[in-house]
Amino acid sequence: MKLQVPMLIAFTLAFLPLAVAQPLCNDGDTRPCGSDVGICTPGTSACINGSFGGCSGGVEPGVEICFNDADDNCNTFTDECTVQFSPAIAMMLGGILILIFIWIVSRLL
């Protein structure tokens, strides 16, 4: 079914008020933003030209720092760190443990 041009214009004009963007806020309005989980603290977002801008003034999530008893990345978990070694370091540590074991055994004999 083809829409005739006058019908298309009438349809467009009927729904045009719905398509016109209304401001989400009034310039100068502020609202809290961000999180208060872990080390994070909320900031403030200000309304500029009918919409809220970025968050400022708060503390945002950072990189998790191991063994400081703080939730640095603001995900409700503290110190969820895993220690990862390269294969060369793992082999070196394994060798050291073998040497310590041999030393202990030699002292017992």
Foldseek 3Di string as FASTA:
>chain_A
DDDDPVRVVVVCVVCVVVVDDDQPDDFADKDWDDDPAWQWDIFIWGDDPRDTDDGDDIDAADDADAPPQTRRRRPNDHRPDDDDDDPVVVVVVVVVVVVVVVVVVVVVD
